Amino acid sequence: MKTMYVFLAEGFEEIEALAPVDVMRRACLNVTTISISDSKLVKGAHGIPVIADAQFSELDFSDAALLFLPGGLPGATNLDAHEGLRSLLLNKSHGDVILSAICAAPLVLGNLGLLEGKQATCYPGFENTMRGATYTAQQVTVDGNILTACGPAAAWALGFTIVEHFCGALKAKELKKSMQF
């Protein structure tokens, strides 16, 4: 089974990471949270400590179906500064892997040139970091293998969009109903 990878950096926005993880796991998708630091313990932007499933250096990501970047500051800039992650995103950008980012994290994709000619959304005020993208101002925007969302309130919608992509609209609808969304 392919894996959904969620990358955690110090200062990540907790709800933007954990709400989609929760929704994906309820859909029985194979989700692995990844710390990009030297420890599996990663502290979020609001001081909530989270223990990641694995560290970046432990995996080769050959089974990736989704590479997901939560926002938050300085989480998004910490993701952008990680050369291994940047290289992984570039290497997987031309295949069937979905690249997803929420809030400030589309800046990582923008800085890599991966949003060139794409429609994308982000947290208001970060539009200029999405180099080459057409800003949609939507809660969630899908353009090819690029999936972006605008901020914390969009975290649930992003999770359901991911489930719909990988499991179908019926599964996403069932989850929404069972979760009272």
N, C-alpha and C. Protein backbone atom coordinates (compact mmCIF):
# COMPACT_ATOMS: atom_id res chain seq x y z
N MET A 1 0.84 -1.19 0.00
CA MET A 1 0.00 0.00 0.00
C MET A 1 0.88 1.25 0.00
N LYS A 2 0.52 2.19 -0.83
CA LYS A 2 1.24 3.46 -0.90
C LYS A 2 1.07 4.23 0.40
N THR A 3 2.00 5.14 0.68
CA THR A 3 2.01 5.87 1.94
C THR A 3 1.78 7.36 1.74
N MET A 4 1.01 7.93 2.66
CA MET A 4 0.80 9.37 2.75
C MET A 4 1.80 9.89 3.79
N TYR A 5 2.74 10.72 3.37
CA TYR A 5 3.76 11.25 4.29
C TYR A 5 3.42 12.68 4.68
N VAL A 6 3.43 12.93 5.99
CA VAL A 6 3.14 14.26 6.54
C VAL A 6 4.41 14.71 7.26
N PHE A 7 4.99 15.83 6.80
CA PHE A 7 6.26 16.30 7.32
C PHE A 7 6.06 17.34 8.42
N LEU A 8 6.69 17.08 9.56
CA LEU A 8 6.58 17.96 10.71
C LEU A 8 7.90 18.65 10.99
N ALA A 9 7.86 19.97 11.09
CA ALA A 9 9.02 20.78 11.43
C ALA A 9 8.68 21.59 12.67
N GLU A 10 9.67 21.92 13.46
CA GLU A 10 9.44 22.76 14.63
C GLU A 10 8.63 23.99 14.21
N GLY A 11 7.55 24.25 14.95
CA GLY A 11 6.71 25.40 14.65
C GLY A 11 5.60 25.13 13.66
N PHE A 12 5.28 23.84 13.40
CA PHE A 12 4.20 23.52 12.46
C PHE A 12 2.86 23.89 13.10
N GLU A 13 1.88 24.18 12.28
CA GLU A 13 0.51 24.47 12.74
C GLU A 13 -0.17 23.13 13.06
N GLU A 14 -0.45 22.91 14.31
CA GLU A 14 -0.93 21.62 14.77
C GLU A 14 -2.20 21.14 14.06
N ILE A 15 -3.21 21.99 13.99
CA ILE A 15 -4.47 21.55 13.38
C ILE A 15 -4.30 21.25 11.89
N GLU A 16 -3.41 21.99 11.22
CA GLU A 16 -3.19 21.77 9.79
C GLU A 16 -2.51 20.43 9.52
N ALA A 17 -1.76 19.94 10.47
CA ALA A 17 -1.11 18.63 10.32
C ALA A 17 -2.04 17.51 10.78
N LEU A 18 -2.59 17.68 11.98
CA LEU A 18 -3.27 16.56 12.62
C LEU A 18 -4.70 16.34 12.14
N ALA A 19 -5.41 17.38 11.74
CA ALA A 19 -6.77 17.16 11.23
C ALA A 19 -6.73 16.31 9.95
N PRO A 20 -5.90 16.64 8.95
CA PRO A 20 -5.84 15.77 7.77
C PRO A 20 -5.33 14.36 8.09
N VAL A 21 -4.38 14.23 9.02
CA VAL A 21 -3.91 12.90 9.42
C VAL A 21 -5.06 12.09 9.98
N ASP A 22 -5.85 12.70 10.86
CA ASP A 22 -6.99 12.03 11.46
C ASP A 22 -7.98 11.55 10.39
N VAL A 23 -8.32 12.44 9.46
CA VAL A 23 -9.27 12.09 8.41
C VAL A 23 -8.72 10.97 7.53
N MET A 24 -7.45 11.06 7.16
CA MET A 24 -6.86 10.02 6.31
C MET A 24 -6.83 8.67 7.02
N ARG A 25 -6.49 8.68 8.31
CA ARG A 25 -6.45 7.41 9.05
C ARG A 25 -7.84 6.82 9.23
N ARG A 26 -8.85 7.65 9.41
CA ARG A 26 -10.23 7.15 9.49
C ARG A 26 -10.64 6.48 8.18
N ALA A 27 -10.04 6.92 7.08
CA ALA A 27 -10.32 6.33 5.76
C ALA A 27 -9.44 5.11 5.49
N CYS A 28 -8.64 4.72 6.50
CA CYS A 28 -7.74 3.56 6.41
C CYS A 28 -6.61 3.76 5.41
N LEU A 29 -6.25 5.02 5.17
CA LEU A 29 -5.08 5.28 4.35
C LEU A 29 -3.83 5.06 5.21
N ASN A 30 -2.75 4.66 4.58
CA ASN A 30 -1.49 4.43 5.27
C ASN A 30 -0.77 5.76 5.43
N VAL A 31 -0.79 6.32 6.64
CA VAL A 31 -0.23 7.65 6.90
C VAL A 31 0.96 7.52 7.84
N THR A 32 2.06 8.20 7.48
CA THR A 32 3.24 8.25 8.33
C THR A 32 3.62 9.70 8.55
N THR A 33 3.72 10.09 9.83
CA THR A 33 4.20 11.44 10.14
C THR A 33 5.71 11.38 10.26
N ILE A 34 6.36 12.40 9.70
CA ILE A 34 7.81 12.43 9.60
C ILE A 34 8.37 13.68 10.27
N SER A 35 9.29 13.50 11.19
CA SER A 35 10.02 14.62 11.77
C SER A 35 11.21 14.92 10.87
N ILE A 36 11.41 16.20 10.56
CA ILE A 36 12.59 16.56 9.77
C ILE A 36 13.74 16.97 10.67
N SER A 37 13.56 16.87 11.98
CA SER A 37 14.62 17.24 12.92
C SER A 37 15.36 15.99 13.41
N ASP A 38 16.21 16.18 14.38
CA ASP A 38 17.00 15.07 14.93
C ASP A 38 16.25 14.26 15.97
N SER A 39 15.00 14.60 16.21
CA SER A 39 14.19 13.92 17.21
C SER A 39 12.81 13.64 16.64
N LYS A 40 12.18 12.56 17.11
CA LYS A 40 10.80 12.30 16.71
C LYS A 40 9.83 13.25 17.39
N LEU A 41 10.26 13.86 18.48
CA LEU A 41 9.42 14.82 19.19
C LEU A 41 9.53 16.18 18.52
N VAL A 42 8.39 16.69 18.04
CA VAL A 42 8.36 17.96 17.33
C VAL A 42 7.34 18.85 18.02
N LYS A 43 7.75 20.07 18.33
CA LYS A 43 6.84 21.00 19.00
C LYS A 43 6.18 21.90 17.96
N GLY A 44 4.85 21.99 18.05
CA GLY A 44 4.08 22.80 17.12
C GLY A 44 4.15 24.28 17.45
N ALA A 45 3.52 25.08 16.61
CA ALA A 45 3.52 26.54 16.74
C ALA A 45 2.86 27.01 18.04
N HIS A 46 1.97 26.19 18.59
CA HIS A 46 1.28 26.56 19.82
C HIS A 46 1.77 25.76 21.01
N GLY A 47 2.98 25.22 20.88
CA GLY A 47 3.63 24.53 21.98
C GLY A 47 3.16 23.12 22.23
N ILE A 48 2.38 22.55 21.33
CA ILE A 48 1.90 21.18 21.51
C ILE A 48 2.96 20.21 20.99
N PRO A 49 3.49 19.36 21.85
CA PRO A 49 4.49 18.39 21.38
C PRO A 49 3.81 17.20 20.71
N VAL A 50 4.35 16.77 19.59
CA VAL A 50 3.83 15.64 18.84
C VAL A 50 5.00 14.68 18.57
N ILE A 51 4.75 13.40 18.76
CA ILE A 51 5.77 12.40 18.46
C ILE A 51 5.49 11.85 17.07
N ALA A 52 6.41 12.11 16.15
CA ALA A 52 6.28 11.63 14.77
C ALA A 52 6.48 10.12 14.72
N ASP A 53 5.95 9.52 13.68
CA ASP A 53 6.13 8.08 13.48
C ASP A 53 7.56 7.72 13.12
N ALA A 54 8.24 8.62 12.43
CA ALA A 54 9.59 8.33 11.95
C ALA A 54 10.35 9.65 11.74
N GLN A 55 11.64 9.51 11.53
CA GLN A 55 12.48 10.66 11.18
C GLN A 55 12.81 10.59 9.69
N PHE A 56 13.02 11.75 9.10
CA PHE A 56 13.28 11.86 7.67
C PHE A 56 14.40 10.91 7.23
N SER A 57 15.47 10.85 8.01
CA SER A 57 16.65 10.07 7.64
C SER A 57 16.41 8.56 7.64
N GLU A 58 15.30 8.11 8.22
CA GLU A 58 15.03 6.67 8.32
C GLU A 58 14.36 6.07 7.09
N LEU A 59 13.87 6.90 6.17
CA LEU A 59 13.04 6.41 5.08
C LEU A 59 13.58 6.79 3.70
N ASP A 60 13.14 6.04 2.68
CA ASP A 60 13.53 6.39 1.32
C ASP A 60 12.36 6.94 0.50
N PHE A 61 11.14 6.86 1.00
CA PHE A 61 9.95 7.45 0.39
C PHE A 61 9.60 6.86 -0.98
N SER A 62 10.11 5.67 -1.27
CA SER A 62 9.83 5.05 -2.57
C SER A 62 8.37 4.67 -2.73
N ASP A 63 7.64 4.53 -1.62
CA ASP A 63 6.24 4.14 -1.68
C ASP A 63 5.28 5.34 -1.53
N ALA A 64 5.79 6.54 -1.74
CA ALA A 64 5.00 7.76 -1.51
C ALA A 64 3.85 7.89 -2.50
N ALA A 65 2.67 8.19 -1.96
CA ALA A 65 1.52 8.57 -2.77
C ALA A 65 1.22 10.05 -2.57
N LEU A 66 1.56 10.56 -1.37
CA LEU A 66 1.30 11.94 -1.00
C LEU A 66 2.44 12.45 -0.15
N LEU A 67 2.90 13.66 -0.45
CA LEU A 67 3.87 14.37 0.38
C LEU A 67 3.17 15.64 0.83
N PHE A 68 2.88 15.73 2.13
CA PHE A 68 2.06 16.81 2.67
C PHE A 68 2.85 17.69 3.63
N LEU A 69 2.74 19.02 3.39
CA LEU A 69 3.45 20.02 4.17
C LEU A 69 2.47 20.88 4.95
N PRO A 70 2.40 20.72 6.28
CA PRO A 70 1.57 21.63 7.08
C PRO A 70 2.22 23.00 7.13
N GLY A 71 1.40 24.01 7.38
CA GLY A 71 1.92 25.37 7.49
C GLY A 71 2.33 25.70 8.90
N GLY A 72 2.11 26.93 9.25
CA GLY A 72 2.56 27.44 10.54
C GLY A 72 3.92 28.07 10.41
N LEU A 73 4.19 28.98 11.32
CA LEU A 73 5.50 29.62 11.34
C LEU A 73 6.11 29.46 12.72
N PRO A 74 7.35 29.07 12.76
CA PRO A 74 8.30 28.95 11.65
C PRO A 74 8.30 27.60 10.94
N GLY A 75 7.27 26.78 11.17
CA GLY A 75 7.25 25.45 10.56
C GLY A 75 7.47 25.44 9.07
N ALA A 76 6.75 26.30 8.34
CA ALA A 76 6.87 26.32 6.88
C ALA A 76 8.27 26.72 6.43
N THR A 77 8.85 27.70 7.09
CA THR A 77 10.21 28.11 6.70
C THR A 77 11.23 27.05 7.09
N ASN A 78 10.97 26.32 8.18
CA ASN A 78 11.86 25.21 8.54
C ASN A 78 11.78 24.08 7.52
N LEU A 79 10.58 23.82 7.01
CA LEU A 79 10.45 22.83 5.93
C LEU A 79 11.23 23.29 4.71
N ASP A 80 11.10 24.56 4.38
CA ASP A 80 11.77 25.11 3.19
C ASP A 80 13.28 25.04 3.31
N ALA A 81 13.80 25.08 4.52
CA ALA A 81 15.25 25.06 4.73
C ALA A 81 15.83 23.65 4.72
N HIS A 82 15.00 22.62 4.70
CA HIS A 82 15.49 21.24 4.77
C HIS A 82 15.83 20.73 3.36
N GLU A 83 17.10 20.62 3.08
CA GLU A 83 17.56 20.25 1.73
C GLU A 83 17.08 18.87 1.30
N GLY A 84 17.03 17.92 2.23
CA GLY A 84 16.55 16.58 1.89
C GLY A 84 15.10 16.60 1.45
N LEU A 85 14.28 17.35 2.14
CA LEU A 85 12.87 17.47 1.78
C LEU A 85 12.72 18.18 0.44
N ARG A 86 13.47 19.25 0.24
CA ARG A 86 13.41 19.98 -1.03
C ARG A 86 13.77 19.05 -2.20
N SER A 87 14.80 18.27 -2.02
CA SER A 87 15.23 17.32 -3.06
C SER A 87 14.15 16.27 -3.32
N LEU A 88 13.56 15.76 -2.25
CA LEU A 88 12.48 14.77 -2.38
C LEU A 88 11.30 15.34 -3.16
N LEU A 89 10.89 16.56 -2.82
CA LEU A 89 9.77 17.19 -3.52
C LEU A 89 10.06 17.36 -5.00
N LEU A 90 11.28 17.79 -5.32
CA LEU A 90 11.66 17.94 -6.73
C LEU A 90 11.66 16.60 -7.45
N ASN A 91 12.20 15.57 -6.80
CA ASN A 91 12.28 14.24 -7.42
C ASN A 91 10.91 13.62 -7.65
N LYS A 92 9.96 13.88 -6.76
CA LYS A 92 8.63 13.28 -6.86
C LYS A 92 7.63 14.14 -7.63
N SER A 93 8.02 15.34 -8.01
CA SER A 93 7.07 16.28 -8.60
C SER A 93 6.59 15.91 -10.00
N HIS A 94 7.30 15.04 -10.69
CA HIS A 94 6.94 14.72 -12.07
C HIS A 94 6.25 13.36 -12.20
N GLY A 95 6.01 12.70 -11.09
CA GLY A 95 5.36 11.40 -11.14
C GLY A 95 3.91 11.49 -10.75
N ASP A 96 3.42 10.39 -10.20
CA ASP A 96 2.01 10.35 -9.80
C ASP A 96 1.82 10.68 -8.32
N VAL A 97 2.84 11.22 -7.68
CA VAL A 97 2.77 11.59 -6.28
C VAL A 97 2.06 12.95 -6.15
N ILE A 98 1.12 13.03 -5.20
CA ILE A 98 0.44 14.29 -4.91
C ILE A 98 1.30 15.10 -3.96
N LEU A 99 1.54 16.36 -4.31
CA LEU A 99 2.26 17.29 -3.44
C LEU A 99 1.22 18.24 -2.85
N SER A 100 1.16 18.29 -1.53
CA SER A 100 0.14 19.09 -0.88
C SER A 100 0.76 20.00 0.17
N ALA A 101 0.21 21.21 0.28
CA ALA A 101 0.69 22.18 1.26
C ALA A 101 -0.46 23.07 1.68
N ILE A 102 -0.44 23.50 2.93
CA ILE A 102 -1.51 24.31 3.48
C ILE A 102 -0.94 25.55 4.16
N CYS A 103 -1.70 26.63 4.14
CA CYS A 103 -1.40 27.87 4.86
C CYS A 103 -0.15 28.55 4.29
N ALA A 104 0.92 28.62 5.05
CA ALA A 104 2.16 29.24 4.59
C ALA A 104 3.04 28.26 3.82
N ALA A 105 2.79 26.95 3.97
CA ALA A 105 3.67 25.94 3.38
C ALA A 105 3.72 25.91 1.85
N PRO A 106 2.73 26.43 1.11
CA PRO A 106 2.92 26.50 -0.34
C PRO A 106 4.17 27.29 -0.74
N LEU A 107 4.72 28.08 0.20
CA LEU A 107 5.96 28.80 -0.11
C LEU A 107 7.08 27.84 -0.45
N VAL A 108 7.07 26.63 0.14
CA VAL A 108 8.10 25.63 -0.17
C VAL A 108 7.98 25.22 -1.64
N LEU A 109 6.77 24.91 -2.06
CA LEU A 109 6.55 24.51 -3.46
C LEU A 109 6.86 25.67 -4.40
N GLY A 110 6.47 26.88 -4.00
CA GLY A 110 6.75 28.07 -4.80
C GLY A 110 8.24 28.32 -4.96
N ASN A 111 8.98 28.20 -3.87
CA ASN A 111 10.43 28.42 -3.93
C ASN A 111 11.15 27.39 -4.78
N LEU A 112 10.54 26.23 -4.95
CA LEU A 112 11.11 25.18 -5.81
C LEU A 112 10.67 25.30 -7.26
N GLY A 113 9.77 26.26 -7.55
CA GLY A 113 9.27 26.43 -8.90
C GLY A 113 8.19 25.43 -9.27
N LEU A 114 7.65 24.70 -8.29
CA LEU A 114 6.69 23.64 -8.57
C LEU A 114 5.26 24.16 -8.77
N LEU A 115 5.04 25.45 -8.52
CA LEU A 115 3.71 26.02 -8.72
C LEU A 115 3.61 26.80 -10.03
N GLU A 116 4.69 26.83 -10.78
CA GLU A 116 4.73 27.55 -12.05
C GLU A 116 3.59 27.08 -12.96
N GLY A 117 2.72 28.02 -13.36
CA GLY A 117 1.61 27.72 -14.25
C GLY A 117 0.45 26.98 -13.60
N LYS A 118 0.48 26.84 -12.29
CA LYS A 118 -0.57 26.13 -11.57
C LYS A 118 -1.50 27.10 -10.86
N GLN A 119 -2.69 26.64 -10.55
CA GLN A 119 -3.59 27.36 -9.65
C GLN A 119 -3.32 26.84 -8.25
N ALA A 120 -3.29 27.75 -7.27
CA ALA A 120 -2.99 27.35 -5.90
C ALA A 120 -3.57 28.37 -4.93
N THR A 121 -3.68 27.95 -3.68
CA THR A 121 -4.13 28.85 -2.64
C THR A 121 -3.16 28.78 -1.47
N CYS A 122 -3.30 29.72 -0.54
CA CYS A 122 -2.44 29.78 0.63
C CYS A 122 -3.08 30.71 1.64
N TYR A 123 -2.43 30.88 2.76
CA TYR A 123 -2.90 31.84 3.75
C TYR A 123 -2.76 33.25 3.17
N PRO A 124 -3.80 34.09 3.30
CA PRO A 124 -3.71 35.45 2.76
C PRO A 124 -2.47 36.18 3.28
N GLY A 125 -1.77 36.79 2.34
CA GLY A 125 -0.52 37.48 2.66
C GLY A 125 0.71 36.72 2.18
N PHE A 126 0.52 35.45 1.84
CA PHE A 126 1.63 34.63 1.35
C PHE A 126 1.56 34.40 -0.16
N GLU A 127 0.63 35.10 -0.82
CA GLU A 127 0.46 34.91 -2.27
C GLU A 127 1.75 35.12 -3.04
N ASN A 128 2.55 36.09 -2.62
CA ASN A 128 3.79 36.40 -3.35
C ASN A 128 4.85 35.30 -3.20
N THR A 129 4.65 34.35 -2.29
CA THR A 129 5.62 33.25 -2.13
C THR A 129 5.32 32.09 -3.07
N MET A 130 4.18 32.15 -3.75
CA MET A 130 3.79 31.06 -4.65
C MET A 130 4.22 31.40 -6.08
N ARG A 131 5.50 31.50 -6.27
CA ARG A 131 6.09 31.92 -7.53
C ARG A 131 5.50 31.18 -8.73
N GLY A 132 4.92 31.95 -9.65
CA GLY A 132 4.40 31.40 -10.89
C GLY A 132 2.99 30.87 -10.82
N ALA A 133 2.38 30.87 -9.63
CA ALA A 133 1.03 30.32 -9.48
C ALA A 133 -0.02 31.40 -9.68
N THR A 134 -1.21 30.97 -10.06
CA THR A 134 -2.38 31.84 -10.05
C THR A 134 -3.09 31.60 -8.73
N TYR A 135 -3.17 32.64 -7.91
CA TYR A 135 -3.79 32.55 -6.59
C TYR A 135 -5.30 32.48 -6.72
N THR A 136 -5.93 31.46 -6.10
CA THR A 136 -7.37 31.27 -6.23
C THR A 136 -8.18 31.83 -5.06
N ALA A 137 -7.58 31.99 -3.90
CA ALA A 137 -8.27 32.42 -2.68
C ALA A 137 -9.33 31.41 -2.24
N GLN A 138 -9.31 30.21 -2.77
CA GLN A 138 -10.26 29.16 -2.38
C GLN A 138 -9.78 28.48 -1.10
N GLN A 139 -10.69 27.78 -0.45
CA GLN A 139 -10.31 27.03 0.74
C GLN A 139 -9.34 25.90 0.37
N VAL A 140 -9.66 25.17 -0.69
CA VAL A 140 -8.81 24.10 -1.20
C VAL A 140 -8.76 24.23 -2.71
N THR A 141 -7.57 24.07 -3.28
CA THR A 141 -7.40 24.13 -4.73
C THR A 141 -6.62 22.90 -5.19
N VAL A 142 -7.14 22.25 -6.22
CA VAL A 142 -6.48 21.09 -6.82
C VAL A 142 -6.11 21.46 -8.25
N ASP A 143 -4.85 21.27 -8.62
CA ASP A 143 -4.40 21.49 -9.99
C ASP A 143 -3.39 20.40 -10.33
N GLY A 144 -3.84 19.40 -11.04
CA GLY A 144 -2.96 18.27 -11.37
C GLY A 144 -2.54 17.55 -10.10
N ASN A 145 -1.23 17.40 -9.91
CA ASN A 145 -0.74 16.71 -8.72
C ASN A 145 -0.43 17.67 -7.57
N ILE A 146 -0.90 18.92 -7.68
CA ILE A 146 -0.70 19.93 -6.63
C ILE A 146 -2.02 20.18 -5.91
N LEU A 147 -1.99 20.04 -4.59
CA LEU A 147 -3.17 20.23 -3.75
C LEU A 147 -2.80 21.21 -2.65
N THR A 148 -3.44 22.38 -2.64
CA THR A 148 -3.13 23.40 -1.65
C THR A 148 -4.39 23.80 -0.89
N ALA A 149 -4.19 24.34 0.31
CA ALA A 149 -5.30 24.81 1.14
C ALA A 149 -4.87 26.08 1.86
N CYS A 150 -5.88 26.84 2.33
CA CYS A 150 -5.60 28.22 2.77
C CYS A 150 -5.27 28.42 4.23
N GLY A 151 -5.58 27.50 5.12
CA GLY A 151 -5.26 27.76 6.52
C GLY A 151 -5.94 26.79 7.46
N PRO A 152 -5.85 27.04 8.76
CA PRO A 152 -6.34 26.09 9.76
C PRO A 152 -7.78 25.63 9.55
N ALA A 153 -8.69 26.54 9.22
CA ALA A 153 -10.09 26.15 9.04
C ALA A 153 -10.28 25.25 7.82
N ALA A 154 -9.34 25.26 6.91
CA ALA A 154 -9.41 24.42 5.71
C ALA A 154 -8.82 23.03 5.92
N ALA A 155 -8.26 22.77 7.09
CA ALA A 155 -7.58 21.50 7.35
C ALA A 155 -8.50 20.30 7.17
N TRP A 156 -9.75 20.43 7.65
CA TRP A 156 -10.71 19.32 7.50
C TRP A 156 -11.06 19.12 6.03
N ALA A 157 -11.37 20.20 5.34
CA ALA A 157 -11.71 20.11 3.91
C ALA A 157 -10.55 19.51 3.13
N LEU A 158 -9.34 19.87 3.47
CA LEU A 158 -8.17 19.30 2.81
C LEU A 158 -8.11 17.79 3.05
N GLY A 159 -8.32 17.36 4.29
CA GLY A 159 -8.32 15.93 4.59
C GLY A 159 -9.35 15.18 3.78
N PHE A 160 -10.56 15.73 3.68
CA PHE A 160 -11.62 15.08 2.90
C PHE A 160 -11.29 15.07 1.41
N THR A 161 -10.64 16.12 0.92
CA THR A 161 -10.23 16.17 -0.49
C THR A 161 -9.20 15.09 -0.78
N ILE A 162 -8.27 14.89 0.15
CA ILE A 162 -7.27 13.82 0.00
C ILE A 162 -7.96 12.46 -0.02
N VAL A 163 -8.88 12.24 0.92
CA VAL A 163 -9.62 10.96 0.96
C VAL A 163 -10.39 10.76 -0.33
N GLU A 164 -11.05 11.80 -0.81
CA GLU A 164 -11.80 11.66 -2.07
C GLU A 164 -10.88 11.27 -3.22
N HIS A 165 -9.70 11.88 -3.27
CA HIS A 165 -8.75 11.56 -4.35
C HIS A 165 -8.32 10.09 -4.30
N PHE A 166 -8.00 9.60 -3.10
CA PHE A 166 -7.45 8.25 -2.99
C PHE A 166 -8.49 7.15 -2.76
N CYS A 167 -9.65 7.51 -2.21
CA CYS A 167 -10.65 6.49 -1.85
C CYS A 167 -11.99 6.68 -2.53
N GLY A 168 -12.18 7.81 -3.22
CA GLY A 168 -13.42 8.07 -3.90
C GLY A 168 -14.36 8.98 -3.14
N ALA A 169 -15.30 9.57 -3.89
CA ALA A 169 -16.24 10.55 -3.34
C ALA A 169 -17.17 9.92 -2.30
N LEU A 170 -17.56 8.68 -2.51
CA LEU A 170 -18.47 8.03 -1.57
C LEU A 170 -17.83 7.89 -0.20
N LYS A 171 -16.57 7.47 -0.15
CA LYS A 171 -15.87 7.33 1.13
C LYS A 171 -15.75 8.69 1.83
N ALA A 172 -15.42 9.72 1.08
CA ALA A 172 -15.31 11.06 1.66
C ALA A 172 -16.66 11.51 2.21
N LYS A 173 -17.72 11.24 1.46
CA LYS A 173 -19.07 11.62 1.91
C LYS A 173 -19.45 10.87 3.18
N GLU A 174 -19.16 9.58 3.24
CA GLU A 174 -19.44 8.78 4.44
C GLU A 174 -18.69 9.32 5.65
N LEU A 175 -17.42 9.66 5.46
CA LEU A 175 -16.62 10.21 6.57
C LEU A 175 -17.18 11.55 7.04
N LYS A 176 -17.51 12.40 6.10
CA LYS A 176 -18.09 13.70 6.48
C LYS A 176 -19.33 13.49 7.33
N LYS A 177 -20.17 12.58 6.92
CA LYS A 177 -21.42 12.32 7.65
C LYS A 177 -21.10 11.77 9.05
N SER A 178 -20.22 10.79 9.12
CA SER A 178 -19.92 10.17 10.42
C SER A 178 -19.21 11.14 11.37
N MET A 179 -18.51 12.12 10.81
CA MET A 179 -17.79 13.08 11.64
C MET A 179 -18.61 14.35 11.88
N GLN A 180 -19.83 14.38 11.35
CA GLN A 180 -20.72 15.55 11.51
C GLN A 180 -20.14 16.81 10.89
N PHE A 181 -19.46 16.64 9.75
CA PHE A 181 -18.86 17.78 9.06
C PHE A 181 -19.90 18.48 8.22
